[in-house]
Amino acid sequence: MTTSPHINLWSSTSHVRDYLIRADSILHRSEGESTLLEFIPKTASRILDLGTGDGRFPNVVVADQP
């Protein structure tokens, strides 16, 4: 797909839907999430999600809790 760097494709519902359909097949995504989890202190009682994604990572954090 060829895109202009000045177009925000994330405002397109179809672009977001297409991404979510293939999100789990993105190479090294789970490895990246695992690395991020290593930086969260075990004593953290709250995590701030700034809304920069599809909401998957807060679920990963919760799933990682004992």
PDB file of N, CA and C in Angstrom:
ATOM      1  N   MET A   1       0.847  -1.173   0.000  1.00  0.00           N
ATOM      2  CA  MET A   1       0.000   0.000   0.000  1.00  0.00           C
ATOM      3  C   MET A   1       0.891   1.233   0.000  1.00  0.00           C
ATOM      4  N   THR A   2       0.691   2.108  -0.917  1.00  0.00           N
ATOM      5  CA  THR A   2       1.429   3.361  -0.985  1.00  0.00           C
ATOM      6  C   THR A   2       0.587   4.451  -0.342  1.00  0.00           C
ATOM      7  N   THR A   3       1.172   5.172   0.592  1.00  0.00           N
ATOM      8  CA  THR A   3       0.426   6.229   1.280  1.00  0.00           C
ATOM      9  C   THR A   3       1.247   7.505   1.322  1.00  0.00           C
ATOM     10  N   SER A   4       0.534   8.594   1.458  1.00  0.00           N
ATOM     11  CA  SER A   4       1.191   9.879   1.635  1.00  0.00           C
ATOM     12  C   SER A   4       1.501  10.042   3.120  1.00  0.00           C
ATOM     13  N   PRO A   5       2.648  10.567   3.484  1.00  0.00           N
ATOM     14  CA  PRO A   5       2.968  10.730   4.905  1.00  0.00           C
ATOM     15  C   PRO A   5       2.080  11.765   5.596  1.00  0.00           C
ATOM     16  N   HIS A   6       1.272  12.475   4.858  1.00  0.00           N
ATOM     17  CA  HIS A   6       0.437  13.532   5.439  1.00  0.00           C
ATOM     18  C   HIS A   6      -1.012  13.095   5.643  1.00  0.00           C
ATOM     19  N   ILE A   7      -1.305  11.833   5.377  1.00  0.00           N
ATOM     20  CA  ILE A   7      -2.671  11.336   5.530  1.00  0.00           C
ATOM     21  C   ILE A   7      -2.750  10.470   6.781  1.00  0.00           C
ATOM     22  N   ASN A   8      -3.699  10.765   7.664  1.00  0.00           N
ATOM     23  CA  ASN A   8      -3.900   9.974   8.868  1.00  0.00           C
ATOM     24  C   ASN A   8      -4.846   8.824   8.540  1.00  0.00           C
ATOM     25  N   LEU A   9      -4.287   7.661   8.252  1.00  0.00           N
ATOM     26  CA  LEU A   9      -5.107   6.509   7.911  1.00  0.00           C
ATOM     27  C   LEU A   9      -5.883   5.978   9.101  1.00  0.00           C
ATOM     28  N   TRP A  10      -5.421   6.288  10.318  1.00  0.00           N
ATOM     29  CA  TRP A  10      -6.084   5.762  11.508  1.00  0.00           C
ATOM     30  C   TRP A  10      -7.452   6.380  11.748  1.00  0.00           C
ATOM     31  N   SER A  11      -7.809   7.424  11.021  1.00  0.00           N
ATOM     32  CA  SER A  11      -9.152   7.984  11.149  1.00  0.00           C
ATOM     33  C   SER A  11     -10.146   7.211  10.286  1.00  0.00           C
ATOM     34  N   SER A  12      -9.654   6.276   9.502  1.00  0.00           N
ATOM     35  CA  SER A  12     -10.501   5.452   8.644  1.00  0.00           C
ATOM     36  C   SER A  12     -10.903   4.175   9.376  1.00  0.00           C
ATOM     37  N   THR A  13     -12.195   3.950   9.522  1.00  0.00           N
ATOM     38  CA  THR A  13     -12.702   2.752  10.189  1.00  0.00           C
ATOM     39  C   THR A  13     -12.202   1.487   9.502  1.00  0.00           C
ATOM     40  N   SER A  14     -12.167   1.493   8.197  1.00  0.00           N
ATOM     41  CA  SER A  14     -11.733   0.292   7.483  1.00  0.00           C
ATOM     42  C   SER A  14     -10.244   0.014   7.719  1.00  0.00           C
ATOM     43  N   HIS A  15      -9.422   1.041   7.818  1.00  0.00           N
ATOM     44  CA  HIS A  15      -7.997   0.844   8.087  1.00  0.00           C
ATOM     45  C   HIS A  15      -7.806   0.238   9.478  1.00  0.00           C
ATOM     46  N   VAL A  16      -8.511   0.757  10.448  1.00  0.00           N
ATOM     47  CA  VAL A  16      -8.412   0.238  11.815  1.00  0.00           C
ATOM     48  C   VAL A  16      -8.894  -1.208  11.859  1.00  0.00           C
ATOM     49  N   ARG A  17     -10.005  -1.504  11.225  1.00  0.00           N
ATOM     50  CA  ARG A  17     -10.545  -2.863  11.205  1.00  0.00           C
ATOM     51  C   ARG A  17      -9.550  -3.830  10.563  1.00  0.00           C
ATOM     52  N   ASP A  18      -8.958  -3.425   9.442  1.00  0.00           N
ATOM     53  CA  ASP A  18      -7.976  -4.273   8.756  1.00  0.00           C
ATOM     54  C   ASP A  18      -6.766  -4.537   9.653  1.00  0.00           C
ATOM     55  N   TYR A  19      -6.323  -3.517  10.387  1.00  0.00           N
ATOM     56  CA  TYR A  19      -5.205  -3.689  11.312  1.00  0.00           C
ATOM     57  C   TYR A  19      -5.560  -4.681  12.420  1.00  0.00           C
ATOM     58  N   LEU A  20      -6.730  -4.515  13.024  1.00  0.00           N
ATOM     59  CA  LEU A  20      -7.124  -5.383  14.128  1.00  0.00           C
ATOM     60  C   LEU A  20      -7.263  -6.831  13.681  1.00  0.00           C
ATOM     61  N   ILE A  21      -7.688  -7.042  12.456  1.00  0.00           N
ATOM     62  CA  ILE A  21      -7.818  -8.401  11.925  1.00  0.00           C
ATOM     63  C   ILE A  21      -6.459  -9.084  11.852  1.00  0.00           C
ATOM     64  N   ARG A  22      -5.420  -8.328  11.498  1.00  0.00           N
ATOM     65  CA  ARG A  22      -4.097  -8.937  11.337  1.00  0.00           C
ATOM     66  C   ARG A  22      -3.149  -8.655  12.499  1.00  0.00           C
ATOM     67  N   ALA A  23      -3.604  -7.979  13.529  1.00  0.00           N
ATOM     68  CA  ALA A  23      -2.726  -7.556  14.628  1.00  0.00           C
ATOM     69  C   ALA A  23      -1.985  -8.719  15.280  1.00  0.00           C
ATOM     70  N   ASP A  24      -2.653  -9.822  15.507  1.00  0.00           N
ATOM     71  CA  ASP A  24      -2.006 -10.943  16.184  1.00  0.00           C
ATOM     72  C   ASP A  24      -0.957 -11.626  15.320  1.00  0.00           C
ATOM     73  N   SER A  25      -0.962 -11.365  14.027  1.00  0.00           N
ATOM     74  CA  SER A  25       0.021 -11.994  13.145  1.00  0.00           C
ATOM     75  C   SER A  25       1.234 -11.096  12.887  1.00  0.00           C
ATOM     76  N   ILE A  26       1.277  -9.912  13.509  1.00  0.00           N
ATOM     77  CA  ILE A  26       2.401  -8.997  13.322  1.00  0.00           C
ATOM     78  C   ILE A  26       3.637  -9.594  14.003  1.00  0.00           C
ATOM     79  N   LEU A  27       4.701  -9.733  13.221  1.00  0.00           N
ATOM     80  CA  LEU A  27       5.931 -10.320  13.750  1.00  0.00           C
ATOM     81  C   LEU A  27       6.438  -9.565  14.975  1.00  0.00           C
ATOM     82  N   HIS A  28       6.811 -10.296  15.979  1.00  0.00           N
ATOM     83  CA  HIS A  28       7.461  -9.791  17.189  1.00  0.00           C
ATOM     84  C   HIS A  28       6.574  -8.910  18.074  1.00  0.00           C
ATOM     85  N   ARG A  29       5.278  -8.876  17.804  1.00  0.00           N
ATOM     86  CA  ARG A  29       4.397  -8.056  18.648  1.00  0.00           C
ATOM     87  C   ARG A  29       4.395  -8.571  20.084  1.00  0.00           C
ATOM     88  N   SER A  30       4.258  -9.871  20.257  1.00  0.00           N
ATOM     89  CA  SER A  30       4.212 -10.407  21.625  1.00  0.00           C
ATOM     90  C   SER A  30       5.552 -10.241  22.333  1.00  0.00           C
ATOM     91  N   GLU A  31       6.661 -10.312  21.577  1.00  0.00           N
ATOM     92  CA  GLU A  31       7.964 -10.087  22.181  1.00  0.00           C
ATOM     93  C   GLU A  31       8.098  -8.647  22.671  1.00  0.00           C
ATOM     94  N   GLY A  32       7.585  -7.715  21.896  1.00  0.00           N
ATOM     95  CA  GLY A  32       7.611  -6.304  22.307  1.00  0.00           C
ATOM     96  C   GLY A  32       6.778  -6.066  23.548  1.00  0.00           C
ATOM     97  N   GLU A  33       5.601  -6.709  23.588  1.00  0.00           N
ATOM     98  CA  GLU A  33       4.742  -6.564  24.770  1.00  0.00           C
ATOM     99  C   GLU A  33       5.413  -7.165  25.999  1.00  0.00           C
ATOM    100  N   SER A  34       6.078  -8.303  25.818  1.00  0.00           N
ATOM    101  CA  SER A  34       6.783  -8.934  26.944  1.00  0.00           C
ATOM    102  C   SER A  34       7.890  -8.032  27.468  1.00  0.00           C
ATOM    103  N   THR A  35       8.586  -7.379  26.555  1.00  0.00           N
ATOM    104  CA  THR A  35       9.648  -6.453  26.963  1.00  0.00           C
ATOM    105  C   THR A  35       9.076  -5.285  27.744  1.00  0.00           C
ATOM    106  N   LEU A  36       7.958  -4.741  27.281  1.00  0.00           N
ATOM    107  CA  LEU A  36       7.318  -3.644  28.017  1.00  0.00           C
ATOM    108  C   LEU A  36       6.891  -4.084  29.412  1.00  0.00           C
ATOM    109  N   LEU A  37       6.387  -5.304  29.539  1.00  0.00           N
ATOM    110  CA  LEU A  37       5.967  -5.809  30.844  1.00  0.00           C
ATOM    111  C   LEU A  37       7.123  -5.848  31.842  1.00  0.00           C
ATOM    112  N   GLU A  38       8.325  -6.093  31.343  1.00  0.00           N
ATOM    113  CA  GLU A  38       9.492  -6.147  32.221  1.00  0.00           C
ATOM    114  C   GLU A  38       9.781  -4.804  32.888  1.00  0.00           C
ATOM    115  N   PHE A  39       9.330  -3.718  32.294  1.00  0.00           N
ATOM    116  CA  PHE A  39       9.588  -2.389  32.838  1.00  0.00           C
ATOM    117  C   PHE A  39       8.530  -1.928  33.840  1.00  0.00           C
ATOM    118  N   ILE A  40       7.456  -2.667  33.970  1.00  0.00           N
ATOM    119  CA  ILE A  40       6.411  -2.310  34.933  1.00  0.00           C
ATOM    120  C   ILE A  40       6.786  -2.894  36.289  1.00  0.00           C
ATOM    121  N   PRO A  41       6.960  -2.037  37.293  1.00  0.00           N
ATOM    122  CA  PRO A  41       7.318  -2.550  38.621  1.00  0.00           C
ATOM    123  C   PRO A  41       6.257  -3.513  39.138  1.00  0.00           C
ATOM    124  N   LYS A  42       6.689  -4.591  39.761  1.00  0.00           N
ATOM    125  CA  LYS A  42       5.746  -5.587  40.310  1.00  0.00           C
ATOM    126  C   LYS A  42       4.847  -4.973  41.375  1.00  0.00           C
ATOM    127  N   THR A  43       5.291  -3.869  41.988  1.00  0.00           N
ATOM    128  CA  THR A  43       4.495  -3.229  43.033  1.00  0.00           C
ATOM    129  C   THR A  43       3.496  -2.208  42.480  1.00  0.00           C
ATOM    130  N   ALA A  44       3.469  -2.024  41.161  1.00  0.00           N
ATOM    131  CA  ALA A  44       2.543  -1.044  40.569  1.00  0.00           C
ATOM    132  C   ALA A  44       1.105  -1.480  40.815  1.00  0.00           C
ATOM    133  N   SER A  45       0.309  -0.549  41.307  1.00  0.00           N
ATOM    134  CA  SER A  45      -1.099  -0.875  41.545  1.00  0.00           C
ATOM    135  C   SER A  45      -2.009  -0.272  40.476  1.00  0.00           C
ATOM    136  N   ARG A  46      -1.445   0.646  39.692  1.00  0.00           N
ATOM    137  CA  ARG A  46      -2.217   1.267  38.612  1.00  0.00           C
ATOM    138  C   ARG A  46      -1.306   1.480  37.404  1.00  0.00           C
ATOM    139  N   ILE A  47      -1.911   1.402  36.229  1.00  0.00           N
ATOM    140  CA  ILE A  47      -1.211   1.657  34.972  1.00  0.00           C
ATOM    141  C   ILE A  47      -2.047   2.657  34.186  1.00  0.00           C
ATOM    142  N   LEU A  48      -1.419   3.684  33.665  1.00  0.00           N
ATOM    143  CA  LEU A  48      -2.114   4.684  32.865  1.00  0.00           C
ATOM    144  C   LEU A  48      -2.012   4.322  31.386  1.00  0.00           C
ATOM    145  N   ASP A  49      -3.154   4.102  30.767  1.00  0.00           N
ATOM    146  CA  ASP A  49      -3.212   3.856  29.328  1.00  0.00           C
ATOM    147  C   ASP A  49      -3.605   5.171  28.682  1.00  0.00           C
ATOM    148  N   LEU A  50      -2.697   5.729  27.909  1.00  0.00           N
ATOM    149  CA  LEU A  50      -2.946   7.037  27.306  1.00  0.00           C
ATOM    150  C   LEU A  50      -3.772   6.959  26.027  1.00  0.00           C
ATOM    151  N   GLY A  51      -4.308   5.799  25.738  1.00  0.00           N
ATOM    152  CA  GLY A  51      -5.159   5.669  24.565  1.00  0.00           C
ATOM    153  C   GLY A  51      -4.379   5.742  23.262  1.00  0.00           C
ATOM    154  N   THR A  52      -3.215   5.124  23.234  1.00  0.00           N
ATOM    155  CA  THR A  52      -2.383   5.202  22.046  1.00  0.00           C
ATOM    156  C   THR A  52      -2.445   3.938  21.208  1.00  0.00           C
ATOM    157  N   GLY A  53      -3.452   3.151  21.402  1.00  0.00           N
ATOM    158  CA  GLY A  53      -3.547   1.917  20.626  1.00  0.00           C
ATOM    159  C   GLY A  53      -4.946   1.341  20.660  1.00  0.00           C
ATOM    160  N   ASP A  54      -5.008   0.047  20.459  1.00  0.00           N
ATOM    161  CA  ASP A  54      -6.298  -0.623  20.341  1.00  0.00           C
ATOM    162  C   ASP A  54      -6.810  -1.168  21.667  1.00  0.00           C
ATOM    163  N   GLY A  55      -6.130  -0.860  22.771  1.00  0.00           N
ATOM    164  CA  GLY A  55      -6.566  -1.317  24.082  1.00  0.00           C
ATOM    165  C   GLY A  55      -6.064  -2.698  24.443  1.00  0.00           C
ATOM    166  N   ARG A  56      -5.219  -3.257  23.628  1.00  0.00           N
ATOM    167  CA  ARG A  56      -4.719  -4.604  23.875  1.00  0.00           C
ATOM    168  C   ARG A  56      -3.740  -4.645  25.052  1.00  0.00           C
ATOM    169  N   PHE A  57      -2.847  -3.678  25.150  1.00  0.00           N
ATOM    170  CA  PHE A  57      -1.793  -3.768  26.160  1.00  0.00           C
ATOM    171  C   PHE A  57      -2.324  -3.768  27.596  1.00  0.00           C
ATOM    172  N   PRO A  58      -3.297  -2.953  27.959  1.00  0.00           N
ATOM    173  CA  PRO A  58      -3.824  -3.066  29.336  1.00  0.00           C
ATOM    174  C   PRO A  58      -4.347  -4.464  29.636  1.00  0.00           C
ATOM    175  N   ASN A  59      -4.900  -5.140  28.655  1.00  0.00           N
ATOM    176  CA  ASN A  59      -5.349  -6.528  28.864  1.00  0.00           C
ATOM    177  C   ASN A  59      -4.158  -7.464  29.057  1.00  0.00           C
ATOM    178  N   VAL A  60      -3.061  -7.200  28.367  1.00  0.00           N
ATOM    179  CA  VAL A  60      -1.848  -7.993  28.529  1.00  0.00           C
ATOM    180  C   VAL A  60      -1.310  -7.797  29.940  1.00  0.00           C
ATOM    181  N   VAL A  61      -1.339  -6.556  30.442  1.00  0.00           N
ATOM    182  CA  VAL A  61      -0.849  -6.264  31.792  1.00  0.00           C
ATOM    183  C   VAL A  61      -1.683  -7.008  32.828  1.00  0.00           C
ATOM    184  N   VAL A  62      -2.981  -6.953  32.697  1.00  0.00           N
ATOM    185  CA  VAL A  62      -3.881  -7.621  33.642  1.00  0.00           C
ATOM    186  C   VAL A  62      -3.666  -9.126  33.606  1.00  0.00           C
ATOM    187  N   ALA A  63      -3.495  -9.681  32.426  1.00  0.00           N
ATOM    188  CA  ALA A  63      -3.292 -11.124  32.274  1.00  0.00           C
ATOM    189  C   ALA A  63      -1.969 -11.567  32.898  1.00  0.00           C
ATOM    190  N   ASP A  64      -1.006 -10.653  32.989  1.00  0.00           N
ATOM    191  CA  ASP A  64       0.313 -10.983  33.533  1.00  0.00           C
ATOM    192  C   ASP A  64       0.325 -10.965  35.058  1.00  0.00           C
ATOM    193  N   GLN A  65      -0.715 -10.439  35.689  1.00  0.00           N
ATOM    194  CA  GLN A  65      -0.757 -10.348  37.144  1.00  0.00           C
ATOM    195  C   GLN A  65      -1.005 -11.730  37.742  1.00  0.00           C
ATOM    196  N   PRO A  66      -0.393 -12.004  38.913  1.00  0.00           N
ATOM    197  CA  PRO A  66      -0.580 -13.309  39.574  1.00  0.00           C
ATOM    198  C   PRO A  66      -1.990 -13.495  40.101  1.00  0.00           C
TER     199      PRO A  66
END
